[in-house]
Amino acid sequence: MKKITMLIVISSSILLLPAASINIGVDALSIDSLINSNLAIRGEVSASYDDIRISSYLGFYKSSDRDSIVNAVTTSLSFDYYPFERGGFYLGASLIDYTFLFGLDAPQEPSVFLTAIRTGYTFTLFKHLSLDFRASLFDSAISAMGISIKQLSQYRFSLIVSYRWDLEKNSYKEDASNKEAIAYENEN
């Protein structure tokens, strides 16, 4: 578990270096778990390039059902492609999706590797705030094991509220002002 988590953290860090923008967000649909008996906390860090986004996801799920006590930690590395314009409709797939199950009723083999495809729409509210509506389809590995964590179903819906830091625009403005200064010096 530690090795896989470190692999995802390191690969995410490397992928963030040349990014045009970096997003950090939480899943707003997990707020309803605070009133239910099942707790779900989900967060995401992503790096966006022109029409590509690579995201790393971390989630914690706690089931308090009377019949079974199973908890889960999920982490993933996903790839999204915006076929039309940046900030709109996208299609995506998970490159790595790992779930570790623990608790009194956890299965003998607690590690589960999943595959997922997803689609969604990113809507920018303000300059740096965005909403990401997402529908994901996972393979049936967890439901086949008989695990009853509501948030780990085969179909998952998310509303990621994220804050964006634009890295490319700042460097572009600096380069543009430097080019203007050089052009002005060459004219005189």
Protein backbone atom coordinates (compact mmCIF):
# COMPACT_ATOMS: atom_id res chain seq x y z
CA MET A 1 0.00 0.00 0.00
CA LYS A 2 2.77 2.41 0.95
CA LYS A 3 4.73 1.65 -2.21
CA ILE A 4 1.74 2.21 -4.47
CA THR A 5 0.80 5.45 -2.71
CA MET A 6 4.38 6.70 -3.02
CA LEU A 7 4.44 5.74 -6.71
CA ILE A 8 1.31 7.79 -7.37
CA VAL A 9 2.53 10.76 -5.31
CA ILE A 10 5.93 10.80 -7.05
CA SER A 11 4.50 10.37 -10.54
CA SER A 12 1.94 13.09 -9.85
CA SER A 13 4.67 15.45 -8.67
CA ILE A 14 6.73 14.84 -11.78
CA LEU A 15 3.70 15.37 -14.03
CA LEU A 16 2.87 18.68 -12.36
CA LEU A 17 6.22 20.31 -13.20
CA PRO A 18 5.59 21.39 -16.84
CA ALA A 19 1.83 21.97 -16.38
CA ALA A 20 -0.04 24.97 -17.74
CA SER A 21 -2.28 24.99 -14.67
CA ILE A 22 -2.68 23.06 -11.43
CA ASN A 23 -6.05 22.33 -9.81
CA ILE A 24 -6.70 21.27 -6.22
CA GLY A 25 -10.23 20.25 -5.34
CA VAL A 26 -12.64 18.23 -3.23
CA ASP A 27 -15.72 16.25 -4.16
CA ALA A 28 -18.76 18.24 -3.01
CA LEU A 29 -21.03 15.19 -3.32
CA SER A 30 -19.21 13.61 -0.39
CA ILE A 31 -20.69 16.28 1.90
CA ASP A 32 -23.91 14.25 2.19
CA SER A 33 -21.90 11.50 3.87
CA LEU A 34 -21.52 13.70 6.95
CA ILE A 35 -25.21 13.16 7.75
CA ASN A 36 -25.30 9.49 6.72
CA SER A 37 -23.62 6.63 8.52
CA ASN A 38 -21.16 6.14 5.64
CA LEU A 39 -18.29 8.63 5.56
CA ALA A 40 -16.59 9.58 2.29
CA ILE A 41 -13.80 12.12 1.86
CA ARG A 42 -12.44 12.63 -1.65
CA GLY A 43 -9.81 15.03 -2.96
CA GLU A 44 -8.02 15.56 -6.26
CA VAL A 45 -4.91 17.26 -7.60
CA SER A 46 -4.62 17.69 -11.35
CA ALA A 47 -2.29 19.18 -13.91
CA SER A 48 -3.76 20.60 -17.11
CA TYR A 49 -2.02 20.97 -20.41
CA ASP A 50 -3.76 22.37 -23.53
CA ASP A 51 -6.47 19.75 -24.05
CA ILE A 52 -5.20 17.09 -21.63
CA ARG A 53 -5.59 16.78 -17.86
CA ILE A 54 -3.76 14.30 -15.64
CA SER A 55 -5.21 13.93 -12.16
CA SER A 56 -4.36 12.15 -8.96
CA TYR A 57 -7.18 11.23 -6.63
CA LEU A 58 -7.26 10.18 -2.97
CA GLY A 59 -10.34 9.02 -1.11
CA PHE A 60 -11.27 7.56 2.26
CA TYR A 61 -14.51 5.64 2.80
CA LYS A 62 -15.86 4.39 6.11
CA SER A 63 -18.90 2.16 6.27
CA SER A 64 -20.83 2.02 9.55
CA ASP A 65 -23.49 -0.45 8.48
CA ARG A 66 -24.65 -2.83 11.18
CA ASP A 67 -24.12 -5.85 8.96
CA SER A 68 -20.52 -5.20 7.91
CA ILE A 69 -17.67 -2.94 8.89
CA VAL A 70 -15.40 -2.30 5.92
CA ASN A 71 -13.30 0.78 5.24
CA ALA A 72 -11.42 1.70 2.09
CA VAL A 73 -8.66 3.99 0.90
CA THR A 74 -8.61 4.66 -2.84
CA THR A 75 -6.03 6.36 -4.96
CA SER A 76 -5.76 6.77 -8.70
CA LEU A 77 -3.94 8.39 -11.55
CA SER A 78 -6.28 9.37 -14.42
CA PHE A 79 -6.08 10.90 -17.86
CA ASP A 80 -8.75 13.19 -19.37
CA TYR A 81 -8.99 14.50 -22.93
CA TYR A 82 -10.96 17.62 -23.96
CA PRO A 83 -11.90 17.01 -27.63
CA PHE A 84 -13.59 20.36 -28.21
CA GLU A 85 -12.49 23.37 -26.20
CA ARG A 86 -10.64 23.59 -22.90
CA GLY A 87 -12.97 23.80 -19.96
CA GLY A 88 -15.87 21.86 -21.47
CA PHE A 89 -16.80 18.28 -22.24
CA TYR A 90 -14.16 15.60 -21.67
CA LEU A 91 -13.58 11.85 -21.81
CA GLY A 92 -11.18 10.05 -19.50
CA ALA A 93 -9.81 6.78 -18.19
CA SER A 94 -7.90 5.67 -15.14
CA LEU A 95 -4.27 4.74 -15.69
CA ILE A 96 -3.92 3.32 -12.16
CA ASP A 97 -6.82 2.87 -9.75
CA TYR A 98 -6.00 1.15 -6.46
CA THR A 99 -8.32 0.40 -3.54
CA PHE A 100 -7.20 -0.96 -0.18
CA LEU A 101 -9.95 -2.48 1.98
CA PHE A 102 -9.62 -2.86 5.75
CA GLY A 103 -11.84 -3.40 8.77
CA LEU A 104 -13.52 -6.30 10.58
CA ASP A 105 -15.27 -7.64 7.49
CA ALA A 106 -12.55 -6.89 4.94
CA PRO A 107 -11.79 -9.69 2.45
CA GLN A 108 -8.70 -11.87 2.73
CA GLU A 109 -7.12 -10.10 -0.24
CA PRO A 110 -7.60 -6.41 0.63
CA SER A 111 -5.92 -4.91 -2.45
CA VAL A 112 -8.08 -4.27 -5.50
CA PHE A 113 -6.92 -2.80 -8.81
CA LEU A 114 -9.74 -1.29 -10.84
CA THR A 115 -10.25 0.14 -14.29
CA ALA A 116 -12.56 3.04 -14.98
CA ILE A 117 -13.79 5.22 -17.79
CA ARG A 118 -15.38 8.58 -17.19
CA THR A 119 -16.96 11.53 -18.85
CA GLY A 120 -17.82 14.95 -17.58
CA TYR A 121 -18.02 18.66 -18.09
CA THR A 122 -15.82 21.34 -16.52
CA PHE A 123 -17.50 24.67 -15.87
CA THR A 124 -15.42 27.69 -14.79
CA LEU A 125 -17.28 29.90 -12.31
CA PHE A 126 -14.74 32.61 -11.63
CA LYS A 127 -11.19 33.19 -12.78
CA HIS A 128 -9.75 30.45 -10.57
CA LEU A 129 -12.77 28.45 -9.36
CA SER A 130 -14.26 25.60 -11.37
CA LEU A 131 -16.88 22.86 -11.07
CA ASP A 132 -16.30 19.48 -12.63
CA PHE A 133 -19.41 17.31 -13.10
CA ARG A 134 -18.27 13.71 -13.61
CA ALA A 135 -19.81 10.27 -14.18
CA SER A 136 -17.52 7.24 -13.86
CA LEU A 137 -18.02 3.60 -14.72
CA PHE A 138 -15.82 1.16 -12.79
CA ASP A 139 -15.38 -2.56 -13.33
CA SER A 140 -17.33 -4.80 -10.99
CA ALA A 141 -14.41 -6.13 -8.90
CA ILE A 142 -15.55 -4.57 -5.61
CA SER A 143 -19.24 -5.43 -5.98
CA ALA A 144 -18.27 -9.00 -6.95
CA MET A 145 -16.46 -9.30 -3.61
CA GLY A 146 -19.70 -8.48 -1.79
CA ILE A 147 -18.42 -5.24 -0.30
CA SER A 148 -21.27 -2.93 0.69
CA ILE A 149 -19.72 0.54 0.75
CA LYS A 150 -22.32 2.70 -0.94
CA GLN A 151 -19.79 5.20 -2.35
CA LEU A 152 -17.73 2.43 -4.00
CA SER A 153 -20.45 1.32 -6.40
CA GLN A 154 -19.84 0.47 -10.04
CA TYR A 155 -21.35 3.82 -11.10
CA ARG A 156 -20.02 6.91 -9.37
CA PHE A 157 -20.98 10.54 -9.72
CA SER A 158 -18.79 13.42 -8.57
CA LEU A 159 -18.90 17.19 -8.36
CA ILE A 160 -15.31 18.36 -7.96
CA VAL A 161 -15.00 21.95 -6.72
CA SER A 162 -11.46 23.08 -7.42
CA TYR A 163 -9.15 26.06 -7.29
CA ARG A 164 -6.86 26.61 -10.29
CA TRP A 165 -3.38 28.14 -10.44
CA ASP A 166 -2.42 29.19 -13.96
CA LEU A 167 1.30 28.74 -14.46
CA GLU A 168 1.62 29.21 -18.22
CA LYS A 169 -0.15 32.57 -18.42
CA ASN A 170 2.21 34.19 -15.92
CA SER A 171 5.29 33.03 -17.80
CA TYR A 172 3.67 34.05 -21.09
CA LYS A 173 3.06 37.59 -19.80
CA GLU A 174 6.67 37.84 -18.66
CA ASP A 175 7.93 36.58 -22.04
CA ALA A 176 5.65 39.00 -23.92
CA SER A 177 6.85 41.99 -21.89
CA ASN A 178 10.48 40.92 -22.41
CA LYS A 179 9.91 40.64 -26.17
CA GLU A 180 8.32 44.10 -26.25
CA ALA A 181 11.28 45.56 -24.34
CA ILE A 182 13.78 43.90 -26.72
CA ALA A 183 11.82 45.11 -29.77
CA TYR A 184 11.75 48.65 -28.35
CA GLU A 185 15.53 48.59 -27.75
CA ASN A 186 16.17 47.32 -31.29
CA GLU A 187 14.09 50.13 -32.77
CA ASN A 188 16.07 52.81 -30.92
